[in-house]
C-alpha atoms as a PDB file:
ATOM      1  CA  MET A   1      11.996   4.471   5.118  1.00  0.00           C
ATOM      2  CA  PRO A   2      11.483   4.757   8.416  1.00  0.00           C
ATOM      3  CA  LEU A   3       8.845   1.954   8.820  1.00  0.00           C
ATOM      4  CA  SER A   4       9.429  -1.769   9.449  1.00  0.00           C
ATOM      5  CA  THR A   5       8.256  -5.084   8.676  1.00  0.00           C
ATOM      6  CA  ALA A   6       6.490  -5.716  11.745  1.00  0.00           C
ATOM      7  CA  THR A   7       3.881  -3.027  10.083  1.00  0.00           C
ATOM      8  CA  LEU A   8       3.339  -5.507   7.588  1.00  0.00           C
ATOM      9  CA  HIS A   9      -0.074  -6.974   8.286  1.00  0.00           C
ATOM     10  CA  GLY A  10      -4.307  -5.435   8.273  1.00  0.00           C
ATOM     11  CA  LEU A  11      -5.354  -4.565   5.555  1.00  0.00           C
ATOM     12  CA  TYR A  12      -3.661  -3.239   2.314  1.00  0.00           C
ATOM     13  CA  VAL A  13      -4.909  -0.924   0.154  1.00  0.00           C
ATOM     14  CA  ILE A  14      -3.779   0.001  -3.596  1.00  0.00           C
ATOM     15  CA  ALA A  15      -4.293   2.973  -4.747  1.00  0.00           C
ATOM     16  CA  ASP A  16      -4.997   2.671  -8.557  1.00  0.00           C
ATOM     17  CA  SER A  17      -4.047   6.407 -10.121  1.00  0.00           C
ATOM     18  CA  SER A  18      -7.453   5.390 -13.036  1.00  0.00           C
ATOM     19  CA  LEU A  19      -9.837   5.708  -9.761  1.00  0.00           C
ATOM     20  CA  ALA A  20      -9.434   9.510  -9.273  1.00  0.00           C
ATOM     21  CA  SER A  21     -12.832  11.107 -10.319  1.00  0.00           C
ATOM     22  CA  SER A  22     -14.112  15.093 -10.835  1.00  0.00           C
ATOM     23  CA  HIS A  23     -16.149  14.459  -7.566  1.00  0.00           C
ATOM     24  CA  ILE A  24     -13.156  13.127  -5.065  1.00  0.00           C
ATOM     25  CA  CYS A  25      -9.726  12.945  -5.593  1.00  0.00           C
ATOM     26  CA  LEU A  26      -7.622  10.031  -4.742  1.00  0.00           C
ATOM     27  CA  SER A  27      -6.056  11.137  -1.276  1.00  0.00           C
ATOM     28  CA  ASP A  28      -9.060  12.137  -0.171  1.00  0.00           C
ATOM     29  CA  LYS A  29     -10.061   8.655  -1.228  1.00  0.00           C
ATOM     30  CA  VAL A  30      -7.090   7.062   1.005  1.00  0.00           C
ATOM     31  CA  LYS A  31      -7.777   9.483   3.303  1.00  0.00           C
ATOM     32  CA  LEU A  32     -11.471   7.505   4.239  1.00  0.00           C
ATOM     33  CA  ALA A  33      -9.776   4.323   3.687  1.00  0.00           C
ATOM     34  CA  ILE A  34      -6.956   5.378   6.566  1.00  0.00           C
ATOM     35  CA  GLU A  35      -9.884   6.308   8.625  1.00  0.00           C
ATOM     36  CA  GLY A  36     -11.465   2.916   7.706  1.00  0.00           C
ATOM     37  CA  GLY A  37      -8.537   1.047   9.286  1.00  0.00           C
ATOM     38  CA  ALA A  38      -6.270   0.832   6.560  1.00  0.00           C
ATOM     39  CA  ARG A  39      -2.666  -0.464   7.205  1.00  0.00           C
ATOM     40  CA  ILE A  40      -0.682  -0.381   3.937  1.00  0.00           C
ATOM     41  CA  VAL A  41      -1.071   1.974   1.225  1.00  0.00           C
ATOM     42  CA  GLN A  42       0.542   0.901  -2.449  1.00  0.00           C
ATOM     43  CA  ILE A  43       0.471   3.477  -4.607  1.00  0.00           C
ATOM     44  CA  ARG A  44      -0.154   2.294  -8.540  1.00  0.00           C
ATOM     45  CA  ASP A  45       0.283   4.839 -11.183  1.00  0.00           C
ATOM     46  CA  LYS A  46       1.061   3.621 -14.892  1.00  0.00           C
ATOM     47  CA  ARG A  47       0.356   6.365 -16.523  1.00  0.00           C
ATOM     48  CA  PRO A  48       3.724   8.177 -18.637  1.00  0.00           C
ATOM     49  CA  THR A  49       3.229  11.266 -16.553  1.00  0.00           C
ATOM     50  CA  PRO A  50       2.113  10.440 -12.641  1.00  0.00           C
ATOM     51  CA  ASP A  51       0.315  13.176 -10.521  1.00  0.00           C
ATOM     52  CA  ILE A  52       3.214  14.323  -8.550  1.00  0.00           C
ATOM     53  CA  LYS A  53       1.784  16.830  -6.108  1.00  0.00           C
ATOM     54  CA  GLU A  54      -1.243  14.042  -5.727  1.00  0.00           C
ATOM     55  CA  ILE A  55       1.041  11.581  -4.388  1.00  0.00           C
ATOM     56  CA  GLN A  56       2.803  13.651  -2.695  1.00  0.00           C
ATOM     57  CA  ASN A  57      -1.039  14.881  -0.496  1.00  0.00           C
ATOM     58  CA  ILE A  58      -0.725  10.293  -0.271  1.00  0.00           C
ATOM     59  CA  ALA A  59       2.362  10.151   0.647  1.00  0.00           C
ATOM     60  CA  ARG A  60       2.082  13.225   3.399  1.00  0.00           C
ATOM     61  CA  LEU A  61      -0.665  11.458   5.054  1.00  0.00           C
ATOM     62  CA  CYS A  62       1.076   7.646   5.351  1.00  0.00           C
ATOM     63  CA  GLN A  63       3.424   9.635   7.041  1.00  0.00           C
ATOM     64  CA  GLN A  64       1.214  11.459   9.043  1.00  0.00           C
ATOM     65  CA  HIS A  65      -0.639   7.945  10.660  1.00  0.00           C
ATOM     66  CA  ARG A  66       2.726   6.380  10.597  1.00  0.00           C
ATOM     67  CA  ILE A  67       1.635   4.067   7.482  1.00  0.00           C
ATOM     68  CA  PRO A  68       3.946   1.929   4.835  1.00  0.00           C
ATOM     69  CA  LEU A  69       3.395   3.906   1.658  1.00  0.00           C
ATOM     70  CA  LEU A  70       4.736   1.535  -0.805  1.00  0.00           C
ATOM     71  CA  ILE A  71       5.138   2.634  -4.872  1.00  0.00           C
ATOM     72  CA  ASN A  72       3.916   0.310  -7.649  1.00  0.00           C
ATOM     73  CA  ASP A  73       7.253  -0.805  -9.788  1.00  0.00           C
ATOM     74  CA  SER A  74       8.336   2.819 -10.076  1.00  0.00           C
ATOM     75  CA  ILE A  75      11.809   3.004  -8.038  1.00  0.00           C
ATOM     76  CA  GLU A  76      12.856   6.315  -8.996  1.00  0.00           C
ATOM     77  CA  LEU A  77       9.096   7.667  -8.223  1.00  0.00           C
ATOM     78  CA  ALA A  78       9.238   5.798  -4.628  1.00  0.00           C
ATOM     79  CA  ILE A  79      12.984   7.473  -4.018  1.00  0.00           C
ATOM     80  CA  GLU A  80      11.151  10.860  -4.503  1.00  0.00           C
ATOM     81  CA  MET A  81       8.874  10.486  -2.814  1.00  0.00           C
ATOM     82  CA  ASN A  82      10.768   9.168   0.373  1.00  0.00           C
ATOM     83  CA  ALA A  83       8.311   5.875   0.028  1.00  0.00           C
ATOM     84  CA  ASP A  84       8.424   3.614   2.309  1.00  0.00           C
ATOM     85  CA  GLY A  85       9.108   1.084  -0.681  1.00  0.00           C
ATOM     86  CA  ILE A  86       7.819  -0.571  -3.713  1.00  0.00           C
ATOM     87  CA  HIS A  87       6.010  -3.458  -4.901  1.00  0.00           C
ATOM     88  CA  LEU A  88       7.316  -5.526  -8.079  1.00  0.00           C
ATOM     89  CA  GLY A  89       5.898  -7.526 -10.438  1.00  0.00           C
ATOM     90  CA  GLN A  90       7.546 -10.505 -12.162  1.00  0.00           C
ATOM     91  CA  SER A  91       8.254  -8.850 -15.235  1.00  0.00           C
ATOM     92  CA  ASP A  92       9.052  -6.039 -13.376  1.00  0.00           C
ATOM     93  CA  THR A  93      12.738  -4.474 -11.580  1.00  0.00           C
ATOM     94  CA  ASP A  94      15.135  -7.010 -10.816  1.00  0.00           C
ATOM     95  CA  LEU A  95      14.856  -7.214  -6.667  1.00  0.00           C
ATOM     96  CA  LYS A  96      18.413  -7.760  -6.072  1.00  0.00           C
ATOM     97  CA  ALA A  97      18.505  -3.787  -8.275  1.00  0.00           C
ATOM     98  CA  ALA A  98      15.739  -2.100  -6.216  1.00  0.00           C
ATOM     99  CA  ARG A  99      17.598  -3.412  -3.145  1.00  0.00           C
ATOM    100  CA  GLN A 100      20.445  -1.854  -4.333  1.00  0.00           C
ATOM    101  CA  ARG A 101      18.956   1.290  -4.936  1.00  0.00           C
ATOM    102  CA  LEU A 102      16.554   1.701  -2.116  1.00  0.00           C
ATOM    103  CA  GLY A 103      18.435  -0.025   0.803  1.00  0.00           C
ATOM    104  CA  ASP A 104      18.087  -2.361   3.547  1.00  0.00           C
ATOM    105  CA  SER A 105      15.322  -0.584   5.848  1.00  0.00           C
ATOM    106  CA  ALA A 106      13.421  -0.879   2.454  1.00  0.00           C
ATOM    107  CA  ILE A 107       9.995  -2.571   2.173  1.00  0.00           C
ATOM    108  CA  ILE A 108       9.908  -4.549  -0.874  1.00  0.00           C
ATOM    109  CA  GLY A 109       7.246  -7.003  -1.679  1.00  0.00           C
ATOM    110  CA  ILE A 110       6.977  -9.387  -4.258  1.00  0.00           C
ATOM    111  CA  THR A 111       4.093 -11.215  -6.996  1.00  0.00           C
ATOM    112  CA  CYS A 112       4.245 -14.604  -6.799  1.00  0.00           C
ATOM    113  CA  HIS A 113       0.859 -15.316  -8.564  1.00  0.00           C
ATOM    114  CA  ASP A 114       0.068 -18.937  -7.901  1.00  0.00           C
ATOM    115  CA  GLU A 115       3.506 -20.402  -7.413  1.00  0.00           C
ATOM    116  CA  ILE A 116       5.352 -21.392  -4.305  1.00  0.00           C
ATOM    117  CA  THR A 117       8.801 -21.434  -5.880  1.00  0.00           C
ATOM    118  CA  LEU A 118       8.512 -17.594  -7.246  1.00  0.00           C
ATOM    119  CA  ALA A 119       8.252 -17.392  -3.534  1.00  0.00           C
ATOM    120  CA  LYS A 120      10.649 -19.137  -1.821  1.00  0.00           C
ATOM    121  CA  GLN A 121      12.919 -17.225  -4.156  1.00  0.00           C
ATOM    122  CA  ALA A 122      11.465 -13.961  -3.751  1.00  0.00           C
ATOM    123  CA  GLU A 123      12.188 -15.135  -0.410  1.00  0.00           C
ATOM    124  CA  ALA A 124      15.728 -16.018   0.015  1.00  0.00           C
ATOM    125  CA  GLU A 125      16.843 -13.004  -2.091  1.00  0.00           C
ATOM    126  CA  GLY A 126      15.614 -10.598   0.177  1.00  0.00           C
ATOM    127  CA  ALA A 127      11.724  -9.629  -0.336  1.00  0.00           C
ATOM    128  CA  ASP A 128      10.215  -8.220   3.359  1.00  0.00           C
ATOM    129  CA  TYR A 129       6.711  -9.952   1.569  1.00  0.00           C
ATOM    130  CA  VAL A 130       5.219 -11.729  -1.403  1.00  0.00           C
ATOM    131  CA  ALA A 131       1.605 -11.207  -2.881  1.00  0.00           C
ATOM    132  CA  PHE A 132      -0.970 -14.463  -4.025  1.00  0.00           C
ATOM    133  CA  GLY A 133      -3.919 -13.813  -6.635  1.00  0.00           C
ATOM    134  CA  ARG A 134      -5.928 -13.259  -8.170  1.00  0.00           C
ATOM    135  CA  PHE A 135      -7.949 -15.405  -6.359  1.00  0.00           C
ATOM    136  CA  PHE A 136     -11.241 -14.103  -6.899  1.00  0.00           C
ATOM    137  CA  SER A 137     -12.759 -12.592 -10.193  1.00  0.00           C
ATOM    138  CA  SER A 138     -10.943  -9.577 -10.376  1.00  0.00           C
ATOM    139  CA  GLN A 139     -12.280  -6.150 -11.731  1.00  0.00           C
ATOM    140  CA  THR A 140      -8.764  -4.676 -11.976  1.00  0.00           C
ATOM    141  CA  LYS A 141      -6.916  -7.211 -13.276  1.00  0.00           C
ATOM    142  CA  PRO A 142      -9.230  -9.695 -14.718  1.00  0.00           C
ATOM    143  CA  GLU A 143      -7.392 -11.212 -17.281  1.00  0.00           C
ATOM    144  CA  ALA A 144      -4.484 -12.065 -13.879  1.00  0.00           C
ATOM    145  CA  PRO A 145      -4.064 -15.620 -13.551  1.00  0.00           C
ATOM    146  CA  PRO A 146      -6.115 -17.470 -10.640  1.00  0.00           C
ATOM    147  CA  ALA A 147      -5.143 -18.458  -7.633  1.00  0.00           C
ATOM    148  CA  ASN A 148      -6.439 -21.418  -5.718  1.00  0.00           C
ATOM    149  CA  ILE A 149      -6.242 -20.786  -2.112  1.00  0.00           C
ATOM    150  CA  LYS A 150      -4.404 -23.168  -1.139  1.00  0.00           C
ATOM    151  CA  ILE A 151      -1.353 -22.079  -1.928  1.00  0.00           C
ATOM    152  CA  LEU A 152      -1.789 -19.832   1.025  1.00  0.00           C
ATOM    153  CA  GLN A 153      -1.863 -22.828   3.410  1.00  0.00           C
ATOM    154  CA  GLN A 154       1.483 -24.096   1.725  1.00  0.00           C
ATOM    155  CA  ALA A 155       3.102 -20.174   1.682  1.00  0.00           C
ATOM    156  CA  ARG A 156       2.046 -20.388   5.020  1.00  0.00           C
ATOM    157  CA  LYS A 157       3.974 -23.686   6.167  1.00  0.00           C
ATOM    158  CA  GLU A 158       7.023 -22.959   4.342  1.00  0.00           C
ATOM    159  CA  LEU A 159       7.818 -18.875   4.403  1.00  0.00           C
ATOM    160  CA  ARG A 160       8.947 -17.339   7.245  1.00  0.00           C
ATOM    161  CA  ILE A 161       8.180 -13.900   5.450  1.00  0.00           C
ATOM    162  CA  PRO A 162       4.217 -11.986   5.752  1.00  0.00           C
ATOM    163  CA  ILE A 163       1.507 -13.304   2.446  1.00  0.00           C
ATOM    164  CA  VAL A 164      -0.541 -10.901   0.541  1.00  0.00           C
ATOM    165  CA  ALA A 165      -3.786 -12.629  -0.768  1.00  0.00           C
ATOM    166  CA  ILE A 166      -5.205 -10.340  -4.144  1.00  0.00           C
ATOM    167  CA  GLY A 167      -7.586 -10.510  -6.438  1.00  0.00           C
ATOM    168  CA  GLY A 168     -11.259  -9.469  -6.161  1.00  0.00           C
ATOM    169  CA  ILE A 169     -11.896 -10.112  -2.277  1.00  0.00           C
ATOM    170  CA  THR A 170     -14.377  -8.374  -0.782  1.00  0.00           C
ATOM    171  CA  PRO A 171     -15.671  -8.814   3.356  1.00  0.00           C
ATOM    172  CA  ASP A 172     -17.449 -11.591   2.523  1.00  0.00           C
ATOM    173  CA  ASN A 173     -14.803 -13.813   0.795  1.00  0.00           C
ATOM    174  CA  GLY A 174     -11.545 -12.663   2.776  1.00  0.00           C
ATOM    175  CA  GLY A 175     -12.557 -14.091   5.958  1.00  0.00           C
ATOM    176  CA  SER A 176     -11.606 -17.683   4.271  1.00  0.00           C
ATOM    177  CA  LEU A 177      -8.237 -16.152   2.741  1.00  0.00           C
ATOM    178  CA  LEU A 178      -6.890 -15.140   6.476  1.00  0.00           C
ATOM    179  CA  GLN A 179      -7.830 -18.524   7.310  1.00  0.00           C
ATOM    180  CA  ALA A 180      -5.347 -19.973   5.179  1.00  0.00           C
ATOM    181  CA  GLY A 181      -2.841 -17.685   5.846  1.00  0.00           C
ATOM    182  CA  ALA A 182      -2.735 -14.866   4.875  1.00  0.00           C
ATOM    183  CA  ASP A 183      -0.967 -11.655   6.668  1.00  0.00           C
ATOM    184  CA  MET A 184      -3.019  -8.825   4.984  1.00  0.00           C
ATOM    185  CA  LEU A 185      -5.357  -8.213   1.831  1.00  0.00           C
ATOM    186  CA  ALA A 186      -4.819  -6.271  -0.304  1.00  0.00           C
ATOM    187  CA  VAL A 187      -7.649  -5.207  -2.214  1.00  0.00           C
ATOM    188  CA  ILE A 188      -8.692  -1.909  -4.651  1.00  0.00           C
ATOM    189  CA  ASN A 189     -12.651  -1.921  -5.749  1.00  0.00           C
ATOM    190  CA  GLY A 190     -13.398  -3.723  -2.670  1.00  0.00           C
ATOM    191  CA  VAL A 191     -12.494  -0.321  -0.949  1.00  0.00           C
ATOM    192  CA  PHE A 192     -12.454   2.242  -3.572  1.00  0.00           C
ATOM    193  CA  GLY A 193     -15.261   1.488  -5.440  1.00  0.00           C
ATOM    194  CA  GLN A 194     -17.648   1.286  -2.922  1.00  0.00           C
ATOM    195  CA  THR A 195     -19.387   4.353  -2.151  1.00  0.00           C
ATOM    196  CA  ASP A 196     -18.441   4.513   1.693  1.00  0.00           C
ATOM    197  CA  ILE A 197     -15.092   3.727   1.322  1.00  0.00           C
ATOM    198  CA  LYS A 198     -14.156   4.258   5.227  1.00  0.00           C
ATOM    199  CA  SER A 199     -17.567   1.409   5.987  1.00  0.00           C
ATOM    200  CA  ALA A 200     -15.601  -0.832   3.325  1.00  0.00           C
ATOM    201  CA  ALA A 201     -12.604  -0.473   4.988  1.00  0.00           C
ATOM    202  CA  GLN A 202     -14.214  -1.089   8.886  1.00  0.00           C
ATOM    203  CA  GLN A 203     -15.840  -3.898   7.275  1.00  0.00           C
ATOM    204  CA  PHE A 204     -12.591  -5.260   5.844  1.00  0.00           C
ATOM    205  CA  ASN A 205     -10.621  -4.580   9.261  1.00  0.00           C
ATOM    206  CA  GLN A 206     -13.177  -7.028  11.695  1.00  0.00           C
ATOM    207  CA  LEU A 207     -12.397  -9.617   9.591  1.00  0.00           C
ATOM    208  CA  PHE A 208      -8.720  -9.203  10.816  1.00  0.00           C
ATOM    209  CA  ASP A 209     -10.667  -8.898  14.248  1.00  0.00           C
ATOM    210  CA  ARG A 210     -12.367 -11.779  14.037  1.00  0.00           C
ATOM    211  CA  ARG A 211      -9.600 -14.193  13.312  1.00  0.00           C
ATOM    212  CA  THR A 212      -7.441 -12.303  16.640  1.00  0.00           C
ATOM    213  CA  ARG A 213     -10.149 -13.231  18.520  1.00  0.00           C
ATOM    214  CA  ASN A 214     -10.320 -16.863  17.614  1.00  0.00           C
ATOM    215  CA  LEU A 215      -6.029 -17.268  17.819  1.00  0.00           C
END
């Protein structure tokens, strides 16, 4: 797990196993996203038996491009894939237990919904980043509780670790989240659900480029 948290900025794509299709495999979709400028990749596979071969292919892609690979929830899978870290929800594995298993160099992110208290607790316990959302209507998690953009402004003032925004994000609405304080935009359908995955990723990258120019 050689990558540092200094890499935690930019487009954060979530490769959900449900995105695989008979037309194009998930690893090929991830390859296109990386070519378009994705900076972090998370694998989310909730099936009882994950597709290990496909995850290995994605892991190799991330290693080749020096991009952090994170696994959703599963410590065992993160260890097996030699991933750079893990993303945990509030009902997943305890952060301290994950740190003990994965080591100090692992990147560990925590979902905090719309609660700054959870984010502060995560930071105090050693999280490397926190994620807030959903900010907009989400096709992937329509039942997720909504978050107000003001939480990003508050988090920017009160936290020292990187901030992720997630939930229904598109190139049209993502700029407002970056302006409010997000360091990363976590996207599923906004990239992988598009006909041209590479172009979709490039459109998100333009948001980060514009923010950099405006600083």
